[in-house]
Amino acid sequence: NHFGLYGAAMADIGTTLTLEPRHFGAMSGLALILEELGQAENALKTLRSIQVIHPHMIGLDQRIEHLELALIGAAL
């Protein structure tokens, strides 16, 4: 159960996003954890939310492309 490894981090991210819903750093961390937990679709949704807030975030487009390709591959 990987969630046990990330439980405290997820709680901190949740608190941060409650206080500041547009905190792209917390959202980025959330996307990493979701991807690690095998929730690529949710990670991709989170990254696309970041794209609205901070479209020029370094590496964001590559992360989105990586997840899109992974999801296409999983669908085949």
Foldseek 3Di string as FASTA:
>chain_A
DCCVVCVVLVVVLVVVCVVPVLPLVSLQVVLVVCVVVVNLVVSLVSLVSNCVNPVPPPPSVVSNVVSVVVVVVVVD
